[in-house]
C-alpha cells in the first residue's frame, strides 16, 4: 500500500471539519502486481502503474457536517 494523506499505510476514512466537502475515491484494475515497498509515495505508485491500468472507476460523494 502506498502512503495515505496521513503519511501512513492503510485506509483512513474521511473525518471532515464542519461544512460541505467533496470526496473522490478512485479504483484501478492492473494487469500485474506492483513491486513497491509499503508506504510508497503517490508519485512512485503512479509511475509503477503507468501502462498497466486495464480498467478504472471513480466514486464522487458529497458530505456536509453540522457545526
PDB file of N, CA and C in Angstrom:
ATOM      1  N   UNK A   1       0.839  -1.184   0.000  1.00  0.00           N
ATOM      2  CA  UNK A   1       0.000   0.000   0.000  1.00  0.00           C
ATOM      3  C   UNK A   1       0.876   1.236   0.000  1.00  0.00           C
ATOM      4  N   UNK A   2       0.408   2.217  -0.728  1.00  0.00           N
ATOM      5  CA  UNK A   2       1.109   3.496  -0.724  1.00  0.00           C
ATOM      6  C   UNK A   2       0.745   4.300   0.511  1.00  0.00           C
ATOM      7  N   UNK A   3       1.467   5.361   0.721  1.00  0.00           N
ATOM      8  CA  UNK A   3       1.192   6.243   1.860  1.00  0.00           C
ATOM      9  C   UNK A   3      -0.099   7.023   1.620  1.00  0.00           C
ATOM     10  N   UNK A   4      -0.895   7.192   2.654  1.00  0.00           N
ATOM     11  CA  UNK A   4      -2.144   7.949   2.540  1.00  0.00           C
ATOM     12  C   UNK A   4      -1.910   9.417   2.906  1.00  0.00           C
ATOM     13  N   UNK A   5      -2.981  10.182   2.995  1.00  0.00           N
ATOM     14  CA  UNK A   5      -2.872  11.610   3.328  1.00  0.00           C
ATOM     15  C   UNK A   5      -2.301  11.866   4.722  1.00  0.00           C
ATOM     16  N   UNK A   6      -2.313  10.833   5.561  1.00  0.00           N
ATOM     17  CA  UNK A   6      -1.781  10.962   6.914  1.00  0.00           C
ATOM     18  C   UNK A   6      -0.314  10.539   6.983  1.00  0.00           C
ATOM     19  N   UNK A   7       0.263  10.155   5.811  1.00  0.00           N
ATOM     20  CA  UNK A   7       1.654   9.736   5.758  1.00  0.00           C
ATOM     21  C   UNK A   7       1.897   8.316   6.237  1.00  0.00           C
ATOM     22  N   UNK A   8       0.833   7.513   6.332  1.00  0.00           N
ATOM     23  CA  UNK A   8       0.934   6.135   6.802  1.00  0.00           C
ATOM     24  C   UNK A   8       0.307   5.206   5.772  1.00  0.00           C
ATOM     25  N   UNK A   9       0.595   3.910   5.875  1.00  0.00           N
ATOM     26  CA  UNK A   9      -0.032   2.920   5.004  1.00  0.00           C
ATOM     27  C   UNK A   9      -1.416   2.571   5.536  1.00  0.00           C
ATOM     28  N   UNK A  10      -2.315   2.181   4.637  1.00  0.00           N
ATOM     29  CA  UNK A  10      -3.641   1.759   5.037  1.00  0.00           C
ATOM     30  C   UNK A  10      -4.683   2.836   4.824  1.00  0.00           C
ATOM     31  N   UNK A  11      -5.930   2.410   4.850  1.00  0.00           N
ATOM     32  CA  UNK A  11      -7.043   3.328   4.619  1.00  0.00           C
ATOM     33  C   UNK A  11      -7.430   4.015   5.919  1.00  0.00           C
ATOM     34  N   UNK A  12      -7.656   5.289   5.837  1.00  0.00           N
ATOM     35  CA  UNK A  12      -8.197   6.073   6.955  1.00  0.00           C
ATOM     36  C   UNK A  12      -9.376   6.842   6.380  1.00  0.00           C
ATOM     37  N   UNK A  13     -10.530   6.627   6.916  1.00  0.00           N
ATOM     38  CA  UNK A  13     -11.729   7.272   6.397  1.00  0.00           C
ATOM     39  C   UNK A  13     -11.730   8.770   6.613  1.00  0.00           C
ATOM     40  N   UNK A  14     -12.554   9.463   5.848  1.00  0.00           N
ATOM     41  CA  UNK A  14     -12.631  10.915   5.987  1.00  0.00           C
ATOM     42  C   UNK A  14     -13.235  11.325   7.331  1.00  0.00           C
ATOM     43  N   UNK A  15     -12.755  12.402   7.868  1.00  0.00           N
ATOM     44  CA  UNK A  15     -13.277  12.987   9.099  1.00  0.00           C
ATOM     45  C   UNK A  15     -13.176  14.498   8.940  1.00  0.00           C
ATOM     46  N   UNK A  16     -14.126  15.070   8.214  1.00  0.00           N
ATOM     47  CA  UNK A  16     -14.016  16.484   7.851  1.00  0.00           C
ATOM     48  C   UNK A  16     -14.370  17.442   8.975  1.00  0.00           C
ATOM     49  N   UNK A  17     -13.859  18.647   8.879  1.00  0.00           N
ATOM     50  CA  UNK A  17     -14.316  19.706   9.772  1.00  0.00           C
ATOM     51  C   UNK A  17     -15.731  20.107   9.358  1.00  0.00           C
ATOM     52  N   UNK A  18     -16.427  20.906  10.161  1.00  0.00           N
ATOM     53  CA  UNK A  18     -17.781  21.336   9.782  1.00  0.00           C
ATOM     54  C   UNK A  18     -17.798  22.014   8.408  1.00  0.00           C
ATOM     55  N   UNK A  19     -18.922  21.838   7.718  1.00  0.00           N
ATOM     56  CA  UNK A  19     -19.099  22.444   6.395  1.00  0.00           C
ATOM     57  C   UNK A  19     -19.276  21.383   5.319  1.00  0.00           C
ATOM     58  N   UNK A  20     -19.392  21.841   4.077  1.00  0.00           N
ATOM     59  CA  UNK A  20     -19.593  20.942   2.937  1.00  0.00           C
ATOM     60  C   UNK A  20     -18.254  20.483   2.377  1.00  0.00           C
ATOM     61  N   UNK A  21     -18.226  19.203   1.977  1.00  0.00           N
ATOM     62  CA  UNK A  21     -16.998  18.615   1.461  1.00  0.00           C
ATOM     63  C   UNK A  21     -17.317  17.671   0.310  1.00  0.00           C
ATOM     64  N   UNK A  22     -16.351  17.514  -0.571  1.00  0.00           N
ATOM     65  CA  UNK A  22     -16.478  16.621  -1.723  1.00  0.00           C
ATOM     66  C   UNK A  22     -15.339  15.609  -1.641  1.00  0.00           C
ATOM     67  N   UNK A  23     -15.675  14.340  -1.840  1.00  0.00           N
ATOM     68  CA  UNK A  23     -14.683  13.271  -1.784  1.00  0.00           C
ATOM     69  C   UNK A  23     -14.673  12.510  -3.097  1.00  0.00           C
ATOM     70  N   UNK A  24     -13.495  12.134  -3.538  1.00  0.00           N
ATOM     71  CA  UNK A  24     -13.321  11.370  -4.766  1.00  0.00           C
ATOM     72  C   UNK A  24     -12.538  10.106  -4.428  1.00  0.00           C
ATOM     73  N   UNK A  25     -13.132   8.950  -4.704  1.00  0.00           N
ATOM     74  CA  UNK A  25     -12.483   7.661  -4.475  1.00  0.00           C
ATOM     75  C   UNK A  25     -12.214   7.033  -5.837  1.00  0.00           C
ATOM     76  N   UNK A  26     -10.975   6.665  -6.104  1.00  0.00           N
ATOM     77  CA  UNK A  26     -10.606   6.061  -7.387  1.00  0.00           C
ATOM     78  C   UNK A  26     -10.096   4.647  -7.161  1.00  0.00           C
ATOM     79  N   UNK A  27     -10.465   3.756  -8.093  1.00  0.00           N
ATOM     80  CA  UNK A  27     -10.001   2.373  -8.042  1.00  0.00           C
ATOM     81  C   UNK A  27      -9.447   2.015  -9.418  1.00  0.00           C
ATOM     82  N   UNK A  28      -8.380   1.235  -9.424  1.00  0.00           N
ATOM     83  CA  UNK A  28      -7.723   0.850 -10.666  1.00  0.00           C
ATOM     84  C   UNK A  28      -7.553  -0.663 -10.713  1.00  0.00           C
ATOM     85  N   UNK A  29      -7.821  -1.266 -11.876  1.00  0.00           N
ATOM     86  CA  UNK A  29      -7.512  -2.673 -12.126  1.00  0.00           C
ATOM     87  C   UNK A  29      -6.226  -2.695 -12.943  1.00  0.00           C
ATOM     88  N   UNK A  30      -5.261  -3.454 -12.476  1.00  0.00           N
ATOM     89  CA  UNK A  30      -3.957  -3.520 -13.136  1.00  0.00           C
ATOM     90  C   UNK A  30      -3.724  -4.913 -13.708  1.00  0.00           C
ATOM     91  N   UNK A  31      -2.869  -4.984 -14.721  1.00  0.00           N
ATOM     92  CA  UNK A  31      -2.559  -6.277 -15.327  1.00  0.00           C
ATOM     93  C   UNK A  31      -1.392  -6.985 -14.635  1.00  0.00           C
ATOM     94  N   UNK A  32      -0.915  -6.409 -13.552  1.00  0.00           N
ATOM     95  CA  UNK A  32       0.162  -7.031 -12.777  1.00  0.00           C
ATOM     96  C   UNK A  32       0.185  -6.441 -11.372  1.00  0.00           C
ATOM     97  N   UNK A  33       0.836  -7.142 -10.468  1.00  0.00           N
ATOM     98  CA  UNK A  33       1.005  -6.642  -9.106  1.00  0.00           C
ATOM     99  C   UNK A  33       2.180  -5.669  -9.092  1.00  0.00           C
ATOM    100  N   UNK A  34       2.025  -4.568  -8.391  1.00  0.00           N
ATOM    101  CA  UNK A  34       3.100  -3.583  -8.311  1.00  0.00           C
ATOM    102  C   UNK A  34       4.159  -4.043  -7.318  1.00  0.00           C
ATOM    103  N   UNK A  35       5.403  -3.841  -7.685  1.00  0.00           N
ATOM    104  CA  UNK A  35       6.510  -4.220  -6.807  1.00  0.00           C
ATOM    105  C   UNK A  35       7.055  -2.965  -6.140  1.00  0.00           C
ATOM    106  N   UNK A  36       6.341  -2.513  -5.133  1.00  0.00           N
ATOM    107  CA  UNK A  36       6.709  -1.312  -4.387  1.00  0.00           C
ATOM    108  C   UNK A  36       6.770  -1.635  -2.903  1.00  0.00           C
ATOM    109  N   UNK A  37       7.587  -0.895  -2.200  1.00  0.00           N
ATOM    110  CA  UNK A  37       7.645  -1.055  -0.746  1.00  0.00           C
ATOM    111  C   UNK A  37       6.412  -0.427  -0.108  1.00  0.00           C
ATOM    112  N   UNK A  38       6.031  -0.935   1.038  1.00  0.00           N
ATOM    113  CA  UNK A  38       4.921  -0.356   1.786  1.00  0.00           C
ATOM    114  C   UNK A  38       5.232   1.103   2.098  1.00  0.00           C
ATOM    115  N   UNK A  39       4.249   1.964   1.933  1.00  0.00           N
ATOM    116  CA  UNK A  39       4.436   3.380   2.204  1.00  0.00           C
ATOM    117  C   UNK A  39       4.986   4.162   1.025  1.00  0.00           C
ATOM    118  N   UNK A  40       4.964   3.559  -0.177  1.00  0.00           N
ATOM    119  CA  UNK A  40       5.456   4.257  -1.371  1.00  0.00           C
ATOM    120  C   UNK A  40       4.714   5.573  -1.558  1.00  0.00           C
ATOM    121  N   UNK A  41       5.401   6.559  -2.089  1.00  0.00           N
ATOM    122  CA  UNK A  41       4.795   7.866  -2.341  1.00  0.00           C
ATOM    123  C   UNK A  41       3.878   7.801  -3.553  1.00  0.00           C
ATOM    124  N   UNK A  42       2.942   8.740  -3.619  1.00  0.00           N
ATOM    125  CA  UNK A  42       1.975   8.785  -4.718  1.00  0.00           C
ATOM    126  C   UNK A  42       2.670   8.796  -6.078  1.00  0.00           C
ATOM    127  N   UNK A  43       3.726   9.577  -6.210  1.00  0.00           N
ATOM    128  CA  UNK A  43       4.438   9.655  -7.490  1.00  0.00           C
ATOM    129  C   UNK A  43       5.040   8.303  -7.875  1.00  0.00           C
ATOM    130  N   UNK A  44       5.485   7.525  -6.900  1.00  0.00           N
ATOM    131  CA  UNK A  44       6.041   6.199  -7.166  1.00  0.00           C
ATOM    132  C   UNK A  44       4.948   5.227  -7.606  1.00  0.00           C
ATOM    133  N   UNK A  45       3.792   5.295  -6.953  1.00  0.00           N
ATOM    134  CA  UNK A  45       2.666   4.436  -7.319  1.00  0.00           C
ATOM    135  C   UNK A  45       2.199   4.782  -8.732  1.00  0.00           C
ATOM    136  N   UNK A  46       2.033   6.069  -9.028  1.00  0.00           N
ATOM    137  CA  UNK A  46       1.605   6.495 -10.363  1.00  0.00           C
ATOM    138  C   UNK A  46       2.577   6.010 -11.434  1.00  0.00           C
ATOM    139  N   UNK A  47       3.872   6.145 -11.189  1.00  0.00           N
ATOM    140  CA  UNK A  47       4.882   5.719 -12.164  1.00  0.00           C
ATOM    141  C   UNK A  47       4.835   4.206 -12.381  1.00  0.00           C
ATOM    142  N   UNK A  48       4.672   3.437 -11.309  1.00  0.00           N
ATOM    143  CA  UNK A  48       4.625   1.978 -11.412  1.00  0.00           C
ATOM    144  C   UNK A  48       3.365   1.502 -12.130  1.00  0.00           C
ATOM    145  N   UNK A  49       2.267   2.251 -12.011  1.00  0.00           N
ATOM    146  CA  UNK A  49       1.005   1.883 -12.656  1.00  0.00           C
ATOM    147  C   UNK A  49       0.990   2.207 -14.145  1.00  0.00           C
ATOM    148  N   UNK A  50       1.834   3.132 -14.568  1.00  0.00           N
ATOM    149  CA  UNK A  50       1.823   3.606 -15.956  1.00  0.00           C
ATOM    150  C   UNK A  50       1.958   2.432 -16.934  1.00  0.00           C
ATOM    151  N   UNK A  51       0.998   2.343 -17.855  1.00  0.00           N
ATOM    152  CA  UNK A  51       0.992   1.283 -18.854  1.00  0.00           C
ATOM    153  C   UNK A  51       0.389  -0.024 -18.388  1.00  0.00           C
ATOM    154  N   UNK A  52      -0.098  -0.087 -17.139  1.00  0.00           N
ATOM    155  CA  UNK A  52      -0.634  -1.332 -16.596  1.00  0.00           C
ATOM    156  C   UNK A  52      -2.097  -1.227 -16.154  1.00  0.00           C
ATOM    157  N   UNK A  53      -2.729  -0.076 -16.356  1.00  0.00           N
ATOM    158  CA  UNK A  53      -4.132   0.101 -15.973  1.00  0.00           C
ATOM    159  C   UNK A  53      -5.016  -0.490 -17.068  1.00  0.00           C
ATOM    160  N   UNK A  54      -5.848  -1.477 -16.711  1.00  0.00           N
ATOM    161  CA  UNK A  54      -6.747  -2.083 -17.693  1.00  0.00           C
ATOM    162  C   UNK A  54      -8.191  -1.623 -17.501  1.00  0.00           C
ATOM    163  N   UNK A  55      -8.508  -1.081 -16.343  1.00  0.00           N
ATOM    164  CA  UNK A  55      -9.837  -0.513 -16.075  1.00  0.00           C
ATOM    165  C   UNK A  55      -9.726   0.377 -14.848  1.00  0.00           C
ATOM    166  N   UNK A  56     -10.654   1.332 -14.763  1.00  0.00           N
ATOM    167  CA  UNK A  56     -10.666   2.201 -13.588  1.00  0.00           C
ATOM    168  C   UNK A  56     -12.071   2.721 -13.348  1.00  0.00           C
ATOM    169  N   UNK A  57     -12.324   3.135 -12.130  1.00  0.00           N
ATOM    170  CA  UNK A  57     -13.613   3.691 -11.761  1.00  0.00           C
ATOM    171  C   UNK A  57     -13.423   4.796 -10.743  1.00  0.00           C
ATOM    172  N   UNK A  58     -14.469   5.607 -10.587  1.00  0.00           N
ATOM    173  CA  UNK A  58     -14.401   6.708  -9.630  1.00  0.00           C
ATOM    174  C   UNK A  58     -15.773   6.909  -9.001  1.00  0.00           C
ATOM    175  N   UNK A  59     -15.769   7.124  -7.710  1.00  0.00           N
ATOM    176  CA  UNK A  59     -16.978   7.447  -6.955  1.00  0.00           C
ATOM    177  C   UNK A  59     -16.766   8.820  -6.340  1.00  0.00           C
ATOM    178  N   UNK A  60     -17.680   9.737  -6.618  1.00  0.00           N
ATOM    179  CA  UNK A  60     -17.595  11.080  -6.044  1.00  0.00           C
ATOM    180  C   UNK A  60     -18.767  11.247  -5.089  1.00  0.00           C
ATOM    181  N   UNK A  61     -18.473  11.641  -3.877  1.00  0.00           N
ATOM    182  CA  UNK A  61     -19.513  11.839  -2.876  1.00  0.00           C
ATOM    183  C   UNK A  61     -19.400  13.207  -2.236  1.00  0.00           C
ATOM    184  N   UNK A  62     -20.522  13.679  -1.727  1.00  0.00           N
ATOM    185  CA  UNK A  62     -20.552  14.962  -1.020  1.00  0.00           C
ATOM    186  C   UNK A  62     -21.106  14.726   0.370  1.00  0.00           C
ATOM    187  N   UNK A  63     -20.578  15.508   1.296  1.00  0.00           N
ATOM    188  CA  UNK A  63     -20.987  15.353   2.684  1.00  0.00           C
ATOM    189  C   UNK A  63     -20.969  16.720   3.347  1.00  0.00           C
ATOM    190  N   UNK A  64     -21.953  16.974   4.173  1.00  0.00           N
ATOM    191  CA  UNK A  64     -21.992  18.226   4.941  1.00  0.00           C
ATOM    192  C   UNK A  64     -22.068  17.866   6.419  1.00  0.00           C
ATOM    193  N   UNK A  65     -21.119  18.359   7.169  1.00  0.00           N
ATOM    194  CA  UNK A  65     -21.079  18.104   8.612  1.00  0.00           C
ATOM    195  C   UNK A  65     -21.552  19.354   9.335  1.00  0.00           C
ATOM    196  N   UNK A  66     -22.506  19.147  10.233  1.00  0.00           N
ATOM    197  CA  UNK A  66     -23.031  20.278  11.001  1.00  0.00           C
ATOM    198  C   UNK A  66     -22.004  20.755  12.010  1.00  0.00           C
ATOM    199  N   UNK A  67     -22.107  22.003  12.373  1.00  0.00           N
ATOM    200  CA  UNK A  67     -21.170  22.598  13.343  1.00  0.00           C
ATOM    201  C   UNK A  67     -21.407  22.085  14.734  1.00  0.00           C
TER     202      UNK A  67
END
